[in-house]
């Protein structure tokens, strides 16, 4: 069970991230899209399914968006109306700055007797008008729903500029977060630097590390790569060169993703940090979605192999 794995600080948690379908689709089209995704993912050994709260983010950058923004269904509505038969735990992302205290309070009180999971997300730009900040949302969550397993976002690349991402993690844990999910990960050095500072900070202060799920997303085209960079995902120059000059960019990105996660997972095992993985496809192209599904299987095999060796040693 996902709740127990998080609370027991278990390494190897695997989730899959999905963007809900566009809200403009008619009901029959939404059902068709949902069924296709369900058929692809139902046999995977997932601990949880992440449902994103997609925003326009146009204020974050002056660069033109590679793909047009189309409003998606609210992730809670999508979970309840279309995915309720799928019993895998759903982790609902909520962009907090868009909600009033009353709106978030009403959402927190939903299904109060059930175990729920959510990742609260701040605004993508300091230019955006907000109605609530993350600390306020954490406090409200603690007061209104003690069964909500709260998660936070971690950005290793931010650590390279400010050297304080490990302190942000600590602050969010103090606010109630029990696990973290990164943005798409391509920079091993940034991730290990953050993990190292987090580990030694926790050791020096006598506190336990919490699960951190590193996000992996296959990249199957130059346009997908451009979209990832537009989203703010940091792609090292050497890796971008390898992708753009490879004979098969999708296959190369999957191979590199596996190597990145293998290094981070081994680093976590060595330090006692419970590292997990969240996989997604930022593209709607069938070939990239299928590559993300295969990546789940490959990551599961890698985790099982590494955990077996770790236990034996």
C-alpha atoms as a PDB file:
ATOM      1  CA  UNK A   1       0.000   0.000   0.000  1.00  0.00           C
ATOM      2  CA  UNK A   2       1.269   3.442  -0.914  1.00  0.00           C
ATOM      3  CA  UNK A   3       0.518   4.974   2.479  1.00  0.00           C
ATOM      4  CA  UNK A   4       2.535   2.343   4.330  1.00  0.00           C
ATOM      5  CA  UNK A   5       5.444   2.588   1.896  1.00  0.00           C
ATOM      6  CA  UNK A   6       5.619   6.351   2.392  1.00  0.00           C
ATOM      7  CA  UNK A   7       5.343   6.214   6.172  1.00  0.00           C
ATOM      8  CA  UNK A   8       7.860   3.370   6.377  1.00  0.00           C
ATOM      9  CA  UNK A   9      10.272   5.369   4.195  1.00  0.00           C
ATOM     10  CA  UNK A  10      10.512   2.514   1.712  1.00  0.00           C
ATOM     11  CA  UNK A  11      12.823   2.785  -1.284  1.00  0.00           C
ATOM     12  CA  UNK A  12      11.530   1.900  -4.732  1.00  0.00           C
ATOM     13  CA  UNK A  13       8.077   3.521  -4.822  1.00  0.00           C
ATOM     14  CA  UNK A  14       6.897   3.752  -8.446  1.00  0.00           C
ATOM     15  CA  UNK A  15       4.182   6.060  -9.763  1.00  0.00           C
ATOM     16  CA  UNK A  16       2.983   7.054 -13.208  1.00  0.00           C
ATOM     17  CA  UNK A  17       1.999  10.620 -14.057  1.00  0.00           C
ATOM     18  CA  UNK A  18      -0.893  11.541 -16.330  1.00  0.00           C
ATOM     19  CA  UNK A  19      -2.439  14.771 -17.520  1.00  0.00           C
ATOM     20  CA  UNK A  20      -6.257  14.520 -17.545  1.00  0.00           C
ATOM     21  CA  UNK A  21      -7.846  14.780 -21.005  1.00  0.00           C
ATOM     22  CA  UNK A  22      -8.944  18.129 -22.376  1.00  0.00           C
ATOM     23  CA  UNK A  23     -12.143  19.429 -20.818  1.00  0.00           C
ATOM     24  CA  UNK A  24     -13.522  20.328 -24.263  1.00  0.00           C
ATOM     25  CA  UNK A  25     -13.873  16.642 -25.219  1.00  0.00           C
ATOM     26  CA  UNK A  26     -17.396  15.176 -25.159  1.00  0.00           C
ATOM     27  CA  UNK A  27     -18.106  12.497 -22.557  1.00  0.00           C
ATOM     28  CA  UNK A  28     -17.753   9.600 -25.008  1.00  0.00           C
ATOM     29  CA  UNK A  29     -14.324  10.839 -26.139  1.00  0.00           C
ATOM     30  CA  UNK A  30     -13.185  11.213 -22.518  1.00  0.00           C
ATOM     31  CA  UNK A  31     -14.280   7.645 -21.826  1.00  0.00           C
ATOM     32  CA  UNK A  32     -12.420   6.406 -24.908  1.00  0.00           C
ATOM     33  CA  UNK A  33      -9.182   8.171 -23.937  1.00  0.00           C
ATOM     34  CA  UNK A  34      -9.454   6.876 -20.383  1.00  0.00           C
ATOM     35  CA  UNK A  35      -9.961   3.301 -21.516  1.00  0.00           C
ATOM     36  CA  UNK A  36      -6.884   3.431 -23.749  1.00  0.00           C
ATOM     37  CA  UNK A  37      -4.734   4.694 -20.891  1.00  0.00           C
ATOM     38  CA  UNK A  38      -6.186   2.130 -18.524  1.00  0.00           C
ATOM     39  CA  UNK A  39      -5.434  -0.731 -20.931  1.00  0.00           C
ATOM     40  CA  UNK A  40      -1.835   0.478 -21.274  1.00  0.00           C
ATOM     41  CA  UNK A  41      -1.205   0.805 -17.554  1.00  0.00           C
ATOM     42  CA  UNK A  42      -3.500  -1.633 -15.736  1.00  0.00           C
ATOM     43  CA  UNK A  43      -1.006  -4.511 -15.617  1.00  0.00           C
ATOM     44  CA  UNK A  44       1.892  -2.395 -14.349  1.00  0.00           C
ATOM     45  CA  UNK A  45       2.868  -2.805 -10.723  1.00  0.00           C
ATOM     46  CA  UNK A  46       2.255   0.830  -9.800  1.00  0.00           C
ATOM     47  CA  UNK A  47       2.139   2.161  -6.263  1.00  0.00           C
ATOM     48  CA  UNK A  48       0.208   5.223  -7.347  1.00  0.00           C
ATOM     49  CA  UNK A  49      -1.135   7.240 -10.260  1.00  0.00           C
ATOM     50  CA  UNK A  50      -0.319  10.949 -10.359  1.00  0.00           C
ATOM     51  CA  UNK A  51      -2.919  13.252 -11.915  1.00  0.00           C
ATOM     52  CA  UNK A  52      -1.562  16.685 -12.800  1.00  0.00           C
ATOM     53  CA  UNK A  53      -3.304  20.009 -12.319  1.00  0.00           C
ATOM     54  CA  UNK A  54      -2.213  21.586 -15.594  1.00  0.00           C
ATOM     55  CA  UNK A  55      -1.981  25.376 -15.844  1.00  0.00           C
ATOM     56  CA  UNK A  56      -1.164  27.669 -18.760  1.00  0.00           C
ATOM     57  CA  UNK A  57       2.146  28.952 -17.283  1.00  0.00           C
ATOM     58  CA  UNK A  58       2.359  31.609 -20.021  1.00  0.00           C
ATOM     59  CA  UNK A  59       3.433  34.213 -17.440  1.00  0.00           C
ATOM     60  CA  UNK A  60       6.520  32.174 -16.541  1.00  0.00           C
ATOM     61  CA  UNK A  61       8.378  32.889 -19.780  1.00  0.00           C
ATOM     62  CA  UNK A  62       8.298  35.143 -22.830  1.00  0.00           C
ATOM     63  CA  UNK A  63       9.099  32.219 -25.127  1.00  0.00           C
ATOM     64  CA  UNK A  64       6.329  30.867 -27.322  1.00  0.00           C
ATOM     65  CA  UNK A  65       4.748  27.642 -26.115  1.00  0.00           C
ATOM     66  CA  UNK A  66       5.720  24.775 -28.511  1.00  0.00           C
ATOM     67  CA  UNK A  67       2.307  23.174 -28.066  1.00  0.00           C
ATOM     68  CA  UNK A  68      -0.931  25.147 -27.595  1.00  0.00           C
ATOM     69  CA  UNK A  69      -2.441  25.211 -24.104  1.00  0.00           C
ATOM     70  CA  UNK A  70      -5.803  23.477 -23.898  1.00  0.00           C
ATOM     71  CA  UNK A  71      -7.631  23.391 -20.588  1.00  0.00           C
ATOM     72  CA  UNK A  72      -7.709  19.905 -19.042  1.00  0.00           C
ATOM     73  CA  UNK A  73     -10.271  18.352 -16.741  1.00  0.00           C
ATOM     74  CA  UNK A  74      -9.832  19.009 -13.044  1.00  0.00           C
ATOM     75  CA  UNK A  75      -7.782  16.040 -11.738  1.00  0.00           C
ATOM     76  CA  UNK A  76     -10.173  15.310  -8.862  1.00  0.00           C
ATOM     77  CA  UNK A  77     -13.154  15.297 -11.211  1.00  0.00           C
ATOM     78  CA  UNK A  78     -11.286  13.058 -13.642  1.00  0.00           C
ATOM     79  CA  UNK A  79     -10.333  10.642 -10.874  1.00  0.00           C
ATOM     80  CA  UNK A  80     -13.852  10.373  -9.511  1.00  0.00           C
ATOM     81  CA  UNK A  81     -15.793  10.365 -12.776  1.00  0.00           C
ATOM     82  CA  UNK A  82     -13.552   8.273 -15.023  1.00  0.00           C
ATOM     83  CA  UNK A  83     -10.939   6.425 -12.962  1.00  0.00           C
ATOM     84  CA  UNK A  84     -12.885   5.333  -9.913  1.00  0.00           C
ATOM     85  CA  UNK A  85     -12.916   1.687 -11.077  1.00  0.00           C
ATOM     86  CA  UNK A  86      -9.112   1.690 -11.126  1.00  0.00           C
ATOM     87  CA  UNK A  87      -8.185   0.996  -7.527  1.00  0.00           C
ATOM     88  CA  UNK A  88      -4.574   2.177  -7.689  1.00  0.00           C
ATOM     89  CA  UNK A  89      -4.120   5.146  -5.289  1.00  0.00           C
ATOM     90  CA  UNK A  90      -4.481   8.522  -7.013  1.00  0.00           C
ATOM     91  CA  UNK A  91      -2.114  11.369  -6.135  1.00  0.00           C
ATOM     92  CA  UNK A  92      -3.875  14.615  -7.019  1.00  0.00           C
ATOM     93  CA  UNK A  93      -1.786  17.668  -7.831  1.00  0.00           C
ATOM     94  CA  UNK A  94      -3.287  21.001  -6.710  1.00  0.00           C
ATOM     95  CA  UNK A  95      -1.976  24.386  -7.794  1.00  0.00           C
ATOM     96  CA  UNK A  96      -2.615  26.229  -4.558  1.00  0.00           C
ATOM     97  CA  UNK A  97      -2.298  29.837  -5.675  1.00  0.00           C
ATOM     98  CA  UNK A  98      -5.510  29.604  -7.711  1.00  0.00           C
ATOM     99  CA  UNK A  99      -7.758  28.719  -4.763  1.00  0.00           C
ATOM    100  CA  UNK A 100      -9.328  30.669  -1.948  1.00  0.00           C
ATOM    101  CA  UNK A 101      -9.212  29.357   1.599  1.00  0.00           C
ATOM    102  CA  UNK A 102     -12.877  28.389   1.301  1.00  0.00           C
ATOM    103  CA  UNK A 103     -12.355  26.521  -1.983  1.00  0.00           C
ATOM    104  CA  UNK A 104      -9.375  24.563  -0.687  1.00  0.00           C
ATOM    105  CA  UNK A 105     -11.189  23.876   2.580  1.00  0.00           C
ATOM    106  CA  UNK A 106     -14.173  22.412   0.724  1.00  0.00           C
ATOM    107  CA  UNK A 107     -11.828  20.207  -1.319  1.00  0.00           C
ATOM    108  CA  UNK A 108      -9.945  19.030   1.767  1.00  0.00           C
ATOM    109  CA  UNK A 109     -13.201  17.962   3.454  1.00  0.00           C
ATOM    110  CA  UNK A 110     -14.153  15.683   0.553  1.00  0.00           C
ATOM    111  CA  UNK A 111     -14.149  11.955   1.402  1.00  0.00           C
ATOM    112  CA  UNK A 112     -12.743  12.718   4.849  1.00  0.00           C
ATOM    113  CA  UNK A 113     -12.972   9.051   5.886  1.00  0.00           C
ATOM    114  CA  UNK A 114     -10.744   7.872   3.016  1.00  0.00           C
ATOM    115  CA  UNK A 115      -6.983   7.819   2.613  1.00  0.00           C
ATOM    116  CA  UNK A 116      -6.119  10.478   0.048  1.00  0.00           C
ATOM    117  CA  UNK A 117      -2.890  11.699  -1.520  1.00  0.00           C
ATOM    118  CA  UNK A 118      -2.037  15.091  -2.913  1.00  0.00           C
ATOM    119  CA  UNK A 119       0.923  17.207  -3.985  1.00  0.00           C
ATOM    120  CA  UNK A 120       0.439  20.923  -3.380  1.00  0.00           C
ATOM    121  CA  UNK A 121       2.140  23.101  -5.997  1.00  0.00           C
ATOM    122  CA  UNK A 122       3.018  26.782  -5.799  1.00  0.00           C
ATOM    123  CA  UNK A 123       2.826  29.230  -8.681  1.00  0.00           C
ATOM    124  CA  UNK A 124       5.178  28.855 -11.634  1.00  0.00           C
ATOM    125  CA  UNK A 125       5.992  32.571 -11.718  1.00  0.00           C
ATOM    126  CA  UNK A 126       6.420  35.341  -9.152  1.00  0.00           C
ATOM    127  CA  UNK A 127       4.439  37.550 -11.547  1.00  0.00           C
ATOM    128  CA  UNK A 128       1.237  35.594 -10.971  1.00  0.00           C
ATOM    129  CA  UNK A 129      -1.500  36.862  -8.697  1.00  0.00           C
ATOM    130  CA  UNK A 130      -2.141  34.366  -5.913  1.00  0.00           C
ATOM    131  CA  UNK A 131      -4.849  33.876  -3.317  1.00  0.00           C
ATOM    132  CA  UNK A 132      -2.971  31.427  -1.079  1.00  0.00           C
ATOM    133  CA  UNK A 133       0.612  30.417  -0.328  1.00  0.00           C
ATOM    134  CA  UNK A 134       1.923  26.921   0.323  1.00  0.00           C
ATOM    135  CA  UNK A 135       2.483  27.331   4.109  1.00  0.00           C
ATOM    136  CA  UNK A 136      -1.153  28.443   4.500  1.00  0.00           C
ATOM    137  CA  UNK A 137      -2.337  25.454   2.450  1.00  0.00           C
ATOM    138  CA  UNK A 138      -0.237  23.037   4.528  1.00  0.00           C
ATOM    139  CA  UNK A 139      -1.649  24.455   7.742  1.00  0.00           C
ATOM    140  CA  UNK A 140      -5.225  24.249   6.467  1.00  0.00           C
ATOM    141  CA  UNK A 141      -4.689  20.662   5.350  1.00  0.00           C
ATOM    142  CA  UNK A 142      -3.423  19.682   8.796  1.00  0.00           C
ATOM    143  CA  UNK A 143      -6.476  21.199  10.446  1.00  0.00           C
ATOM    144  CA  UNK A 144      -9.157  19.886   8.108  1.00  0.00           C
ATOM    145  CA  UNK A 145      -7.986  16.451   6.914  1.00  0.00           C
ATOM    146  CA  UNK A 146      -5.444  14.416   8.840  1.00  0.00           C
ATOM    147  CA  UNK A 147      -5.934  11.487   6.436  1.00  0.00           C
ATOM    148  CA  UNK A 148      -4.582  13.405   3.466  1.00  0.00           C
ATOM    149  CA  UNK A 149      -1.053  12.183   2.704  1.00  0.00           C
ATOM    150  CA  UNK A 150       0.592  15.389   1.605  1.00  0.00           C
ATOM    151  CA  UNK A 151       3.480  15.593  -0.864  1.00  0.00           C
ATOM    152  CA  UNK A 152       5.648  18.394  -2.169  1.00  0.00           C
ATOM    153  CA  UNK A 153       7.570  19.329  -5.299  1.00  0.00           C
ATOM    154  CA  UNK A 154      11.372  19.275  -5.300  1.00  0.00           C
ATOM    155  CA  UNK A 155      13.549  20.931  -7.964  1.00  0.00           C
ATOM    156  CA  UNK A 156      17.164  19.735  -7.849  1.00  0.00           C
ATOM    157  CA  UNK A 157      18.285  22.209 -10.532  1.00  0.00           C
ATOM    158  CA  UNK A 158      17.216  25.086  -8.271  1.00  0.00           C
ATOM    159  CA  UNK A 159      19.754  23.786  -5.765  1.00  0.00           C
ATOM    160  CA  UNK A 160      22.575  24.595  -8.183  1.00  0.00           C
ATOM    161  CA  UNK A 161      21.651  28.287  -8.067  1.00  0.00           C
ATOM    162  CA  UNK A 162      20.523  28.765  -4.473  1.00  0.00           C
ATOM    163  CA  UNK A 163      21.975  25.782  -2.567  1.00  0.00           C
ATOM    164  CA  UNK A 164      18.899  25.654  -0.362  1.00  0.00           C
ATOM    165  CA  UNK A 165      16.614  23.015  -1.889  1.00  0.00           C
ATOM    166  CA  UNK A 166      17.365  20.661   1.023  1.00  0.00           C
ATOM    167  CA  UNK A 167      16.164  23.378   3.407  1.00  0.00           C
ATOM    168  CA  UNK A 168      13.002  23.811   1.353  1.00  0.00           C
ATOM    169  CA  UNK A 169      12.402  20.076   1.749  1.00  0.00           C
ATOM    170  CA  UNK A 170      12.844  20.387   5.521  1.00  0.00           C
ATOM    171  CA  UNK A 171      10.429  23.340   5.689  1.00  0.00           C
ATOM    172  CA  UNK A 172       7.822  21.444   3.685  1.00  0.00           C
ATOM    173  CA  UNK A 173       8.239  18.352   5.869  1.00  0.00           C
ATOM    174  CA  UNK A 174       7.674  20.569   8.902  1.00  0.00           C
ATOM    175  CA  UNK A 175       4.530  21.790   7.135  1.00  0.00           C
ATOM    176  CA  UNK A 176       3.227  18.242   6.756  1.00  0.00           C
ATOM    177  CA  UNK A 177       4.765  16.815   3.559  1.00  0.00           C
ATOM    178  CA  UNK A 178       5.575  13.108   3.790  1.00  0.00           C
ATOM    179  CA  UNK A 179       7.072  12.584   0.301  1.00  0.00           C
ATOM    180  CA  UNK A 180       8.339  14.547  -2.696  1.00  0.00           C
ATOM    181  CA  UNK A 181       8.197  14.342  -6.475  1.00  0.00           C
ATOM    182  CA  UNK A 182      10.759  16.071  -8.679  1.00  0.00           C
ATOM    183  CA  UNK A 183      10.246  17.662 -12.045  1.00  0.00           C
ATOM    184  CA  UNK A 184      11.630  15.657 -14.977  1.00  0.00           C
ATOM    185  CA  UNK A 185      15.214  14.709 -14.108  1.00  0.00           C
ATOM    186  CA  UNK A 186      18.115  14.937 -16.527  1.00  0.00           C
ATOM    187  CA  UNK A 187      20.818  16.478 -14.343  1.00  0.00           C
ATOM    188  CA  UNK A 188      22.480  13.824 -12.171  1.00  0.00           C
ATOM    189  CA  UNK A 189      24.960  16.230 -10.591  1.00  0.00           C
ATOM    190  CA  UNK A 190      22.265  18.661  -9.454  1.00  0.00           C
ATOM    191  CA  UNK A 191      20.193  15.813  -8.032  1.00  0.00           C
ATOM    192  CA  UNK A 192      23.098  14.216  -6.154  1.00  0.00           C
ATOM    193  CA  UNK A 193      24.249  17.573  -4.783  1.00  0.00           C
ATOM    194  CA  UNK A 194      20.774  18.191  -3.404  1.00  0.00           C
ATOM    195  CA  UNK A 195      20.502  14.674  -1.984  1.00  0.00           C
ATOM    196  CA  UNK A 196      23.919  14.966  -0.355  1.00  0.00           C
ATOM    197  CA  UNK A 197      23.090  18.264   1.356  1.00  0.00           C
ATOM    198  CA  UNK A 198      19.717  16.876   2.417  1.00  0.00           C
ATOM    199  CA  UNK A 199      21.287  13.715   3.844  1.00  0.00           C
ATOM    200  CA  UNK A 200      23.949  15.507   5.885  1.00  0.00           C
ATOM    201  CA  UNK A 201      21.485  18.144   7.110  1.00  0.00           C
ATOM    202  CA  UNK A 202      19.172  15.378   8.335  1.00  0.00           C
ATOM    203  CA  UNK A 203      22.044  13.462   9.931  1.00  0.00           C
ATOM    204  CA  UNK A 204      23.353  16.524  11.751  1.00  0.00           C
ATOM    205  CA  UNK A 205      19.888  17.377  13.065  1.00  0.00           C
ATOM    206  CA  UNK A 206      18.783  13.852  13.981  1.00  0.00           C
ATOM    207  CA  UNK A 207      15.853  13.683  11.551  1.00  0.00           C
ATOM    208  CA  UNK A 208      14.835  11.033   9.039  1.00  0.00           C
ATOM    209  CA  UNK A 209      14.867  11.506   5.300  1.00  0.00           C
ATOM    210  CA  UNK A 210      11.557  11.070   3.476  1.00  0.00           C
ATOM    211  CA  UNK A 211      10.821   9.411   0.098  1.00  0.00           C
ATOM    212  CA  UNK A 212      11.846  11.413  -2.953  1.00  0.00           C
ATOM    213  CA  UNK A 213      10.494  10.278  -6.323  1.00  0.00           C
ATOM    214  CA  UNK A 214      12.576  11.364  -9.290  1.00  0.00           C
ATOM    215  CA  UNK A 215      10.522  11.999 -12.397  1.00  0.00           C
ATOM    216  CA  UNK A 216      11.564  10.441 -15.713  1.00  0.00           C
ATOM    217  CA  UNK A 217      10.035  11.375 -19.075  1.00  0.00           C
ATOM    218  CA  UNK A 218      11.064   9.902 -22.448  1.00  0.00           C
ATOM    219  CA  UNK A 219      11.824  12.427 -25.185  1.00  0.00           C
ATOM    220  CA  UNK A 220      11.009  11.267 -28.694  1.00  0.00           C
ATOM    221  CA  UNK A 221      11.467  14.346 -30.850  1.00  0.00           C
ATOM    222  CA  UNK A 222      13.088  17.761 -31.082  1.00  0.00           C
ATOM    223  CA  UNK A 223       9.664  19.318 -30.491  1.00  0.00           C
ATOM    224  CA  UNK A 224       9.174  17.320 -27.286  1.00  0.00           C
ATOM    225  CA  UNK A 225      12.625  18.427 -26.157  1.00  0.00           C
ATOM    226  CA  UNK A 226      11.720  22.051 -26.895  1.00  0.00           C
ATOM    227  CA  UNK A 227       8.509  21.651 -24.881  1.00  0.00           C
ATOM    228  CA  UNK A 228      10.391  20.160 -21.935  1.00  0.00           C
ATOM    229  CA  UNK A 229      12.766  23.117 -21.948  1.00  0.00           C
ATOM    230  CA  UNK A 230       9.807  25.517 -22.215  1.00  0.00           C
ATOM    231  CA  UNK A 231       8.325  23.873 -19.119  1.00  0.00           C
ATOM    232  CA  UNK A 232      11.501  24.808 -17.265  1.00  0.00           C
ATOM    233  CA  UNK A 233      13.068  21.342 -17.271  1.00  0.00           C
ATOM    234  CA  UNK A 234      16.855  21.591 -17.115  1.00  0.00           C
ATOM    235  CA  UNK A 235      18.616  19.563 -19.807  1.00  0.00           C
ATOM    236  CA  UNK A 236      22.442  19.584 -19.651  1.00  0.00           C
ATOM    237  CA  UNK A 237      24.096  20.588 -22.929  1.00  0.00           C
ATOM    238  CA  UNK A 238      25.950  17.265 -23.303  1.00  0.00           C
ATOM    239  CA  UNK A 239      22.703  15.340 -22.930  1.00  0.00           C
ATOM    240  CA  UNK A 240      20.850  17.591 -25.354  1.00  0.00           C
ATOM    241  CA  UNK A 241      23.644  17.081 -27.889  1.00  0.00           C
ATOM    242  CA  UNK A 242      23.489  13.304 -27.450  1.00  0.00           C
ATOM    243  CA  UNK A 243      19.733  13.326 -28.018  1.00  0.00           C
ATOM    244  CA  UNK A 244      19.749  15.616 -31.029  1.00  0.00           C
ATOM    245  CA  UNK A 245      22.603  13.735 -32.736  1.00  0.00           C
ATOM    246  CA  UNK A 246      21.380  10.222 -31.993  1.00  0.00           C
ATOM    247  CA  UNK A 247      19.984   7.926 -34.666  1.00  0.00           C
ATOM    248  CA  UNK A 248      16.926   7.278 -32.464  1.00  0.00           C
ATOM    249  CA  UNK A 249      16.230  10.128 -30.034  1.00  0.00           C
ATOM    250  CA  UNK A 250      13.508   8.210 -28.171  1.00  0.00           C
ATOM    251  CA  UNK A 251      15.619   5.112 -27.600  1.00  0.00           C
ATOM    252  CA  UNK A 252      18.550   7.277 -26.528  1.00  0.00           C
ATOM    253  CA  UNK A 253      16.429   9.222 -24.036  1.00  0.00           C
ATOM    254  CA  UNK A 254      15.123   6.004 -22.456  1.00  0.00           C
ATOM    255  CA  UNK A 255      18.656   4.618 -22.135  1.00  0.00           C
ATOM    256  CA  UNK A 256      19.895   7.854 -20.558  1.00  0.00           C
ATOM    257  CA  UNK A 257      16.888   8.006 -18.191  1.00  0.00           C
ATOM    258  CA  UNK A 258      17.618   4.504 -16.944  1.00  0.00           C
ATOM    259  CA  UNK A 259      21.270   5.371 -16.319  1.00  0.00           C
ATOM    260  CA  UNK A 260      20.306   8.555 -14.482  1.00  0.00           C
ATOM    261  CA  UNK A 261      17.866   6.782 -12.207  1.00  0.00           C
ATOM    262  CA  UNK A 262      20.222   3.871 -11.582  1.00  0.00           C
ATOM    263  CA  UNK A 263      22.881   6.292 -10.325  1.00  0.00           C
ATOM    264  CA  UNK A 264      20.440   8.207  -8.128  1.00  0.00           C
ATOM    265  CA  UNK A 265      18.863   5.040  -6.715  1.00  0.00           C
ATOM    266  CA  UNK A 266      22.280   3.592  -5.847  1.00  0.00           C
ATOM    267  CA  UNK A 267      23.245   6.881  -4.208  1.00  0.00           C
ATOM    268  CA  UNK A 268      20.051   6.769  -2.142  1.00  0.00           C
ATOM    269  CA  UNK A 269      20.650   3.176  -1.038  1.00  0.00           C
ATOM    270  CA  UNK A 270      24.175   4.069   0.050  1.00  0.00           C
ATOM    271  CA  UNK A 271      22.947   7.024   2.125  1.00  0.00           C
ATOM    272  CA  UNK A 272      19.708   5.492   3.355  1.00  0.00           C
ATOM    273  CA  UNK A 273      17.543   7.972   1.441  1.00  0.00           C
ATOM    274  CA  UNK A 274      14.323   6.316   0.165  1.00  0.00           C
ATOM    275  CA  UNK A 275      14.464   7.064  -3.558  1.00  0.00           C
ATOM    276  CA  UNK A 276      11.570   6.222  -5.854  1.00  0.00           C
ATOM    277  CA  UNK A 277      10.537   6.999  -9.405  1.00  0.00           C
ATOM    278  CA  UNK A 278       7.655   8.659 -11.190  1.00  0.00           C
ATOM    279  CA  UNK A 279       7.370   8.130 -14.945  1.00  0.00           C
ATOM    280  CA  UNK A 280       5.325  10.145 -17.428  1.00  0.00           C
ATOM    281  CA  UNK A 281       5.091  11.134 -21.068  1.00  0.00           C
ATOM    282  CA  UNK A 282       4.926  14.885 -21.677  1.00  0.00           C
ATOM    283  CA  UNK A 283       3.907  14.095 -25.253  1.00  0.00           C
ATOM    284  CA  UNK A 284       0.585  12.698 -26.464  1.00  0.00           C
ATOM    285  CA  UNK A 285       2.295  10.783 -29.278  1.00  0.00           C
ATOM    286  CA  UNK A 286       1.549   7.064 -29.022  1.00  0.00           C
ATOM    287  CA  UNK A 287       5.185   6.028 -29.469  1.00  0.00           C
ATOM    288  CA  UNK A 288       6.340   8.233 -26.581  1.00  0.00           C
ATOM    289  CA  UNK A 289       3.534   7.083 -24.299  1.00  0.00           C
ATOM    290  CA  UNK A 290       4.392   3.452 -25.049  1.00  0.00           C
ATOM    291  CA  UNK A 291       8.061   4.202 -24.348  1.00  0.00           C
ATOM    292  CA  UNK A 292       7.068   5.586 -20.941  1.00  0.00           C
ATOM    293  CA  UNK A 293       5.139   2.389 -20.195  1.00  0.00           C
ATOM    294  CA  UNK A 294       8.160   0.276 -21.092  1.00  0.00           C
ATOM    295  CA  UNK A 295      10.294   2.544 -18.936  1.00  0.00           C
ATOM    296  CA  UNK A 296       8.091   1.686 -15.946  1.00  0.00           C
ATOM    297  CA  UNK A 297       8.847  -1.994 -16.500  1.00  0.00           C
ATOM    298  CA  UNK A 298      12.561  -1.329 -16.913  1.00  0.00           C
ATOM    299  CA  UNK A 299      12.680   0.791 -13.760  1.00  0.00           C
ATOM    300  CA  UNK A 300      10.810  -1.884 -11.799  1.00  0.00           C
ATOM    301  CA  UNK A 301      13.342  -4.508 -12.885  1.00  0.00           C
ATOM    302  CA  UNK A 302      16.220  -2.200 -11.965  1.00  0.00           C
ATOM    303  CA  UNK A 303      14.766  -1.487  -8.513  1.00  0.00           C
ATOM    304  CA  UNK A 304      14.114  -5.166  -7.789  1.00  0.00           C
ATOM    305  CA  UNK A 305      17.640  -6.066  -8.829  1.00  0.00           C
ATOM    306  CA  UNK A 306      19.274  -3.304  -6.773  1.00  0.00           C
ATOM    307  CA  UNK A 307      17.165  -4.012  -3.677  1.00  0.00           C
ATOM    308  CA  UNK A 308      17.950  -7.725  -3.826  1.00  0.00           C
ATOM    309  CA  UNK A 309      21.686  -7.004  -4.043  1.00  0.00           C
ATOM    310  CA  UNK A 310      21.429  -4.432  -1.244  1.00  0.00           C
ATOM    311  CA  UNK A 311      19.652  -6.869   1.081  1.00  0.00           C
ATOM    312  CA  UNK A 312      22.148  -9.622   0.275  1.00  0.00           C
ATOM    313  CA  UNK A 313      25.117  -7.366   1.010  1.00  0.00           C
END
